[in-house]
N, C-alpha and C. Protein backbone atom coordinates (compact mmCIF):
# COMPACT_ATOMS: atom_id res chain seq x y z
N UNK A 1 -13.74 -15.86 8.96
CA UNK A 1 -13.50 -14.50 8.69
C UNK A 1 -12.55 -13.97 10.05
N UNK A 2 -12.89 -14.88 11.24
CA UNK A 2 -11.82 -14.29 12.48
C UNK A 2 -10.64 -14.99 12.09
N UNK A 3 -10.35 -15.87 11.43
CA UNK A 3 -9.32 -16.52 10.82
C UNK A 3 -8.36 -15.61 9.88
N UNK A 4 -8.89 -15.11 8.88
CA UNK A 4 -8.35 -13.82 8.13
C UNK A 4 -7.85 -13.11 8.83
N UNK A 5 -8.69 -12.39 9.67
CA UNK A 5 -8.11 -10.87 10.52
C UNK A 5 -6.96 -11.50 11.27
N UNK A 6 -6.71 -12.18 11.77
CA UNK A 6 -5.74 -13.14 12.71
C UNK A 6 -4.81 -13.06 11.40
N UNK A 7 -4.86 -13.54 10.35
CA UNK A 7 -3.55 -13.70 9.61
C UNK A 7 -2.85 -12.38 9.29
N UNK A 8 -3.91 -11.28 8.87
CA UNK A 8 -3.65 -9.88 8.98
C UNK A 8 -2.90 -9.19 10.00
N UNK A 9 -3.41 -9.56 11.29
CA UNK A 9 -2.56 -9.22 12.57
C UNK A 9 -1.24 -9.69 12.48
N UNK A 10 -1.07 -11.08 12.28
CA UNK A 10 -0.14 -11.73 12.68
C UNK A 10 1.16 -11.09 11.50
N UNK A 11 0.42 -10.57 10.44
CA UNK A 11 1.37 -10.30 9.46
C UNK A 11 2.22 -9.02 9.66
N UNK A 12 1.21 -8.35 10.46
CA UNK A 12 1.37 -7.07 10.72
C UNK A 12 2.30 -6.80 11.75
N UNK A 13 2.07 -7.62 12.72
CA UNK A 13 2.85 -7.73 13.97
C UNK A 13 4.36 -8.28 13.63
N UNK A 14 4.39 -9.28 12.70
CA UNK A 14 5.79 -9.82 12.34
C UNK A 14 6.84 -8.59 11.49
N UNK A 15 5.60 -7.87 10.77
CA UNK A 15 6.60 -6.63 10.01
C UNK A 15 6.80 -5.63 11.23
N UNK A 16 6.49 -5.52 11.81
CA UNK A 16 6.48 -4.57 12.97
C UNK A 16 7.69 -5.12 13.76
N UNK A 17 7.80 -6.39 14.07
CA UNK A 17 9.13 -6.99 14.95
C UNK A 17 10.12 -6.51 13.91
N UNK A 18 10.12 -7.10 12.62
CA UNK A 18 11.29 -6.48 11.77
C UNK A 18 12.04 -5.44 12.00
N UNK A 19 10.82 -4.51 11.58
CA UNK A 19 11.25 -2.93 11.45
C UNK A 19 11.89 -2.30 12.76
N UNK A 20 11.15 -2.85 14.03
CA UNK A 20 11.91 -2.30 14.90
C UNK A 20 13.38 -3.26 15.32
N UNK A 21 13.18 -4.36 15.13
CA UNK A 21 14.80 -5.31 15.82
C UNK A 21 15.57 -5.09 14.69
N UNK A 22 15.35 -4.86 13.59
CA UNK A 22 16.19 -4.70 12.46
C UNK A 22 16.76 -2.94 12.22
N UNK A 23 15.98 -1.95 12.94
CA UNK A 23 15.85 -0.83 12.84
C UNK A 23 15.65 -0.35 11.46
N UNK A 24 14.90 -0.83 10.79
CA UNK A 24 14.63 -0.22 9.44
C UNK A 24 13.94 1.05 9.22
N UNK A 25 13.99 1.62 8.08
CA UNK A 25 13.38 2.89 7.74
C UNK A 25 12.23 2.70 7.51
N UNK A 26 11.46 1.69 7.24
CA UNK A 26 10.20 1.33 6.75
C UNK A 26 9.50 0.97 7.92
N UNK A 27 7.96 1.54 7.64
CA UNK A 27 6.88 1.12 8.87
C UNK A 27 6.41 -0.44 8.54
N UNK A 28 6.40 -1.04 10.19
CA UNK A 28 6.36 -2.40 10.40
C UNK A 28 4.93 -2.96 9.40
N UNK A 29 3.97 -1.87 9.34
CA UNK A 29 2.98 -2.61 8.51
C UNK A 29 3.31 -2.75 7.39
N UNK A 30 3.73 -1.88 6.75
CA UNK A 30 4.29 -2.07 5.29
C UNK A 30 5.41 -3.00 4.80
N UNK A 31 6.31 -3.31 5.77
CA UNK A 31 6.80 -4.90 6.01
C UNK A 31 6.30 -6.17 5.68
N UNK A 32 4.97 -6.10 7.00
CA UNK A 32 4.04 -7.29 7.09
C UNK A 32 3.00 -7.25 5.79
N UNK A 33 2.84 -6.24 5.12
CA UNK A 33 1.58 -6.18 3.97
C UNK A 33 2.39 -6.95 2.73
N UNK A 34 3.84 -6.38 2.84
CA UNK A 34 4.88 -6.87 1.68
C UNK A 34 4.95 -8.57 1.75
N UNK A 35 5.06 -8.60 2.98
CA UNK A 35 5.30 -10.41 3.60
C UNK A 35 3.94 -10.86 3.18
N UNK A 36 2.99 -10.78 3.69
CA UNK A 36 1.46 -11.19 3.34
C UNK A 36 1.23 -11.26 1.69
N UNK A 37 1.97 -10.45 1.03
CA UNK A 37 1.69 -10.40 -0.28
C UNK A 37 2.46 -11.44 -0.99
N UNK A 38 3.48 -11.93 0.00
CA UNK A 38 4.74 -12.91 -0.87
C UNK A 38 3.84 -14.02 -0.49
N UNK A 39 3.47 -14.28 0.79
CA UNK A 39 2.96 -15.34 1.18
C UNK A 39 1.65 -15.66 0.28
N UNK A 40 0.83 -14.85 -0.01
CA UNK A 40 -0.04 -15.30 -0.87
C UNK A 40 0.04 -15.49 -2.17
N UNK A 41 1.15 -14.94 -2.91
CA UNK A 41 1.67 -15.26 -4.41
C UNK A 41 2.11 -16.90 -4.01
N UNK A 42 3.12 -17.09 -3.11
CA UNK A 42 3.40 -18.50 -3.16
C UNK A 42 2.38 -19.70 -2.47
N UNK A 43 1.17 -19.03 -1.85
CA UNK A 43 0.19 -20.44 -1.61
C UNK A 43 -1.25 -19.47 -1.73
N UNK A 44 -1.61 -19.63 -3.10
CA UNK A 44 -2.96 -18.85 -2.89
C UNK A 44 -4.08 -19.41 -2.73
N UNK A 45 -4.84 -18.62 -1.75
CA UNK A 45 -5.91 -19.28 -0.93
C UNK A 45 -7.25 -19.57 -1.43
N UNK A 46 -8.05 -20.51 -1.47
CA UNK A 46 -9.56 -20.72 -2.42
C UNK A 46 -10.19 -19.29 -2.18
N UNK A 47 -11.04 -19.11 -2.74
CA UNK A 47 -11.97 -18.07 -2.77
C UNK A 47 -12.79 -17.95 -1.44
N UNK A 48 -12.97 -18.94 -0.83
CA UNK A 48 -13.74 -18.96 0.53
C UNK A 48 -12.84 -18.81 1.54
N UNK A 49 -11.55 -18.68 1.53
CA UNK A 49 -10.64 -18.27 2.30
C UNK A 49 -10.68 -17.16 3.47
N UNK A 50 -10.46 -17.53 4.48
CA UNK A 50 -10.60 -16.32 5.60
C UNK A 50 -9.81 -15.10 5.23
N UNK A 51 -9.03 -15.12 4.93
CA UNK A 51 -8.19 -14.17 4.31
C UNK A 51 -8.74 -13.19 3.52
N UNK A 52 -9.75 -13.81 2.57
CA UNK A 52 -10.07 -12.67 1.67
C UNK A 52 -11.52 -12.44 2.35
N UNK A 53 -12.05 -13.07 2.91
CA UNK A 53 -13.56 -12.48 3.61
C UNK A 53 -13.25 -11.52 4.74
N UNK A 54 -12.07 -11.70 5.37
CA UNK A 54 -11.56 -10.86 6.41
C UNK A 54 -11.53 -9.32 6.06
N UNK A 55 -10.47 -9.64 4.83
CA UNK A 55 -10.06 -8.11 4.09
C UNK A 55 -11.48 -7.44 3.44
N UNK A 56 -12.29 -8.39 3.11
CA UNK A 56 -13.37 -7.63 2.44
C UNK A 56 -14.28 -7.25 3.79
N UNK A 57 -14.27 -7.90 4.74
CA UNK A 57 -15.17 -7.10 6.26
C UNK A 57 -14.47 -5.87 6.06
N UNK A 58 -12.87 -5.69 6.30
CA UNK A 58 -12.31 -4.95 6.83
C UNK A 58 -12.64 -3.45 5.64
N UNK A 59 -12.74 -3.68 4.75
CA UNK A 59 -12.58 -2.55 3.74
C UNK A 59 -14.08 -2.09 3.67
N UNK A 60 -15.08 -2.69 4.05
CA UNK A 60 -16.63 -2.20 4.41
C UNK A 60 -16.54 -1.04 5.53
N UNK A 61 -15.58 -0.79 6.40
CA UNK A 61 -15.33 -0.17 7.28
C UNK A 61 -14.07 0.68 7.38
N UNK A 62 -13.55 0.72 5.91
CA UNK A 62 -12.20 1.76 5.77
C UNK A 62 -12.40 3.08 6.28
N UNK A 63 -13.60 3.94 6.22
CA UNK A 63 -13.57 5.24 6.48
C UNK A 63 -13.21 5.39 8.11
N UNK A 64 -13.41 4.41 9.04
CA UNK A 64 -12.74 4.30 10.26
C UNK A 64 -11.35 4.53 10.57
N UNK A 65 -10.53 3.94 9.33
CA UNK A 65 -9.06 4.20 9.49
C UNK A 65 -8.74 5.51 9.30
N UNK A 66 -9.83 6.30 9.05
CA UNK A 66 -9.13 8.09 8.72
C UNK A 66 -9.45 8.67 9.99
N UNK A 67 -9.99 8.08 10.91
CA UNK A 67 -10.19 9.01 11.91
C UNK A 67 -8.81 9.37 13.06
N UNK A 68 -8.33 8.16 13.13
CA UNK A 68 -6.73 8.84 13.55
C UNK A 68 -5.82 9.78 12.84
N UNK A 69 -5.75 9.67 11.43
CA UNK A 69 -5.09 10.69 11.07
C UNK A 69 -6.13 12.30 11.00
N UNK A 70 -7.25 11.99 10.85
CA UNK A 70 -7.83 13.59 11.26
C UNK A 70 -7.68 14.06 12.71
N UNK A 71 -7.80 13.10 13.67
CA UNK A 71 -7.23 13.73 15.04
C UNK A 71 -5.81 14.11 15.11
N UNK A 72 -5.07 13.71 14.49
CA UNK A 72 -3.64 13.89 14.19
C UNK A 72 -3.55 15.65 13.23
N UNK A 73 -4.34 15.77 12.52
CA UNK A 73 -4.52 17.06 12.07
C UNK A 73 -4.74 17.86 12.84
N UNK A 74 -6.01 17.89 13.71
CA UNK A 74 -6.74 18.41 14.65
C UNK A 74 -5.62 18.86 15.83
N UNK A 75 -4.94 17.59 16.04
CA UNK A 75 -3.89 18.00 17.23
C UNK A 75 -2.81 18.76 16.83
N UNK A 76 -2.20 18.60 16.02
CA UNK A 76 -0.84 19.34 15.80
C UNK A 76 -1.43 20.60 14.32
N UNK A 77 -2.46 21.20 14.66
CA UNK A 77 -2.71 22.22 13.84
C UNK A 77 -1.75 23.56 13.93
N UNK A 78 -1.49 23.70 15.06
CA UNK A 78 -0.31 24.75 15.26
C UNK A 78 0.83 24.53 14.47
N UNK A 79 1.14 23.27 14.95
CA UNK A 79 2.38 22.83 14.16
C UNK A 79 2.32 22.99 12.45
N UNK A 80 1.03 23.01 11.70
CA UNK A 80 0.93 22.74 10.36
C UNK A 80 0.84 24.33 9.89
N UNK A 81 0.09 25.06 11.14
CA UNK A 81 0.42 26.81 10.87
C UNK A 81 1.26 26.98 10.40
N UNK A 82 2.42 26.60 11.56
CA UNK A 82 3.75 27.24 11.11
C UNK A 82 4.68 26.45 10.28
N UNK A 83 4.39 25.60 9.96
CA UNK A 83 5.29 25.06 8.98
C UNK A 83 4.39 24.57 7.64
N UNK A 84 3.79 25.27 7.36
CA UNK A 84 2.78 25.01 6.24
C UNK A 84 3.54 25.05 4.88
N UNK A 85 4.44 25.95 4.68
CA UNK A 85 5.35 25.85 3.46
C UNK A 85 5.98 24.64 3.14
N UNK A 86 6.67 24.16 3.74
CA UNK A 86 7.58 22.61 3.82
C UNK A 86 6.78 21.72 3.70
N UNK A 87 5.55 21.67 4.75
CA UNK A 87 4.65 20.54 4.41
C UNK A 87 4.03 20.40 2.96
N UNK A 88 3.79 21.86 2.49
CA UNK A 88 3.03 21.93 1.25
C UNK A 88 3.67 21.23 0.24
N UNK A 89 5.18 21.64 0.13
CA UNK A 89 6.04 21.20 -0.61
C UNK A 89 6.47 19.76 -0.71
N UNK A 90 6.85 19.42 0.54
CA UNK A 90 6.54 18.02 0.84
C UNK A 90 5.70 17.21 -0.07
N UNK A 91 4.40 17.68 0.56
CA UNK A 91 3.34 16.97 -0.38
C UNK A 91 3.03 16.98 -1.72
N UNK A 92 3.65 18.20 -2.18
CA UNK A 92 3.49 18.36 -3.55
C UNK A 92 4.65 17.60 -4.59
N UNK A 93 5.61 17.31 -3.96
CA UNK A 93 6.66 16.67 -4.50
C UNK A 93 6.59 15.02 -4.53
N UNK A 94 6.14 14.92 -3.17
CA UNK A 94 5.72 13.20 -3.33
C UNK A 94 4.58 12.73 -4.00
N UNK A 95 3.67 13.62 -4.34
CA UNK A 95 2.60 13.32 -5.35
C UNK A 95 3.11 13.36 -6.66
N UNK A 96 4.21 14.46 -7.07
CA UNK A 96 4.78 14.32 -8.27
C UNK A 96 5.32 13.22 -8.33
N UNK A 97 6.27 12.42 -7.63
CA UNK A 97 7.25 11.52 -7.93
C UNK A 97 6.16 10.37 -7.62
N UNK A 98 5.08 9.82 -7.05
CA UNK A 98 4.25 9.20 -6.96
C UNK A 98 3.61 8.82 -8.35
N UNK A 99 3.01 10.07 -9.04
CA UNK A 99 2.44 10.30 -10.39
C UNK A 99 3.81 9.53 -11.20
N UNK A 100 4.74 10.11 -11.06
CA UNK A 100 5.70 9.91 -12.35
C UNK A 100 6.07 8.27 -12.12
N UNK A 101 6.33 7.85 -11.04
CA UNK A 101 6.55 6.39 -10.92
C UNK A 101 5.52 5.39 -11.36
N UNK A 102 4.05 6.03 -11.31
CA UNK A 102 2.94 5.08 -11.88
C UNK A 102 3.02 5.48 -13.06
N UNK A 103 3.24 6.38 -14.01
CA UNK A 103 3.09 6.28 -15.19
C UNK A 103 4.38 5.81 -15.80
N UNK A 104 5.52 5.54 -14.97
CA UNK A 104 6.55 4.76 -15.70
C UNK A 104 5.96 3.34 -15.79
N UNK A 105 5.39 3.02 -14.61
CA UNK A 105 5.48 1.72 -14.52
C UNK A 105 4.18 1.32 -15.59
N UNK A 106 3.25 2.13 -15.56
CA UNK A 106 2.30 1.71 -16.71
C UNK A 106 2.82 1.72 -17.97
N UNK A 107 3.45 2.59 -18.28
CA UNK A 107 4.47 2.25 -19.53
C UNK A 107 5.07 1.04 -19.66
N UNK A 108 5.97 0.88 -18.72
CA UNK A 108 6.73 -0.40 -18.70
C UNK A 108 5.77 -1.52 -18.78
N UNK A 109 4.49 -1.90 -18.22
CA UNK A 109 3.55 -2.78 -18.01
C UNK A 109 2.85 -3.06 -19.32
N UNK A 110 2.78 -1.97 -20.02
CA UNK A 110 2.29 -1.83 -21.37
C UNK A 110 2.93 -2.44 -22.35
N UNK A 111 4.55 -2.11 -22.37
CA UNK A 111 5.25 -2.45 -23.37
C UNK A 111 5.67 -4.10 -23.12
N UNK A 112 5.88 -4.61 -21.85
CA UNK A 112 5.75 -5.92 -21.42
C UNK A 112 4.57 -6.58 -21.93
N UNK A 113 3.29 -6.05 -21.73
CA UNK A 113 2.12 -6.77 -22.48
C UNK A 113 2.24 -7.03 -23.88
N UNK A 114 2.50 -5.94 -24.73
CA UNK A 114 2.56 -6.05 -26.29
C UNK A 114 3.93 -6.39 -26.75
N UNK A 115 4.87 -6.88 -26.01
CA UNK A 115 6.10 -7.41 -26.43
C UNK A 115 5.83 -8.31 -27.74
N UNK A 116 4.88 -9.04 -27.74
CA UNK A 116 4.94 -9.82 -29.04
C UNK A 116 4.04 -9.31 -30.10
N UNK A 117 3.28 -8.17 -29.92
CA UNK A 117 2.36 -7.59 -30.86
C UNK A 117 3.09 -6.39 -31.92
N UNK A 118 4.42 -6.33 -31.51
CA UNK A 118 4.90 -5.15 -32.39
C UNK A 118 4.69 -3.73 -31.77
N UNK A 119 4.76 -2.57 -32.55
CA UNK A 119 4.94 -1.61 -31.99
C UNK A 119 3.22 -1.27 -31.20
N UNK A 120 3.02 -0.15 -30.50
CA UNK A 120 1.97 0.06 -29.85
C UNK A 120 1.09 0.50 -30.83
N UNK A 121 -0.06 0.25 -30.81
CA UNK A 121 -0.98 0.45 -32.08
C UNK A 121 -1.20 -0.42 -33.17
N UNK A 122 -0.09 -0.91 -33.68
CA UNK A 122 -0.13 -1.88 -34.40
C UNK A 122 -0.94 -3.02 -34.38
N UNK A 123 -1.57 -3.69 -35.10
CA UNK A 123 -2.42 -4.84 -35.19
C UNK A 123 -1.32 -5.79 -35.76
N UNK A 124 -1.51 -7.14 -34.91
CA UNK A 124 -0.45 -7.76 -35.42
C UNK A 124 -1.22 -8.82 -36.27
N UNK A 125 -0.26 -9.20 -37.44
CA UNK A 125 -0.75 -9.55 -38.70
C UNK A 125 -0.91 -11.39 -38.29
């Protein structure tokens, strides 16, 4: 398990180095997660691998990861009160964009899956 957590931290560190070193507008942990995904696709670990056990152990304590954002909301309460309209607008627009992209991706994936089966809803003969 310790080996798996170390893999997660190493990829997060590499992502952070790339983000800061190349001055990318994407957060380092996101880049690290993408690199870890690519590494796991290239070399699939066995079921007993430390990465899977370490990530499962971290998921059990996921609620602890919500503490820093909650402290941030409390700390910046005055800013949130002053700029509530643009913040709410940004949240709604990003939520709508995420919903639209998810819907488009689901539609695309269903079309790709049913490519050989004919139109959606028709049973192949």
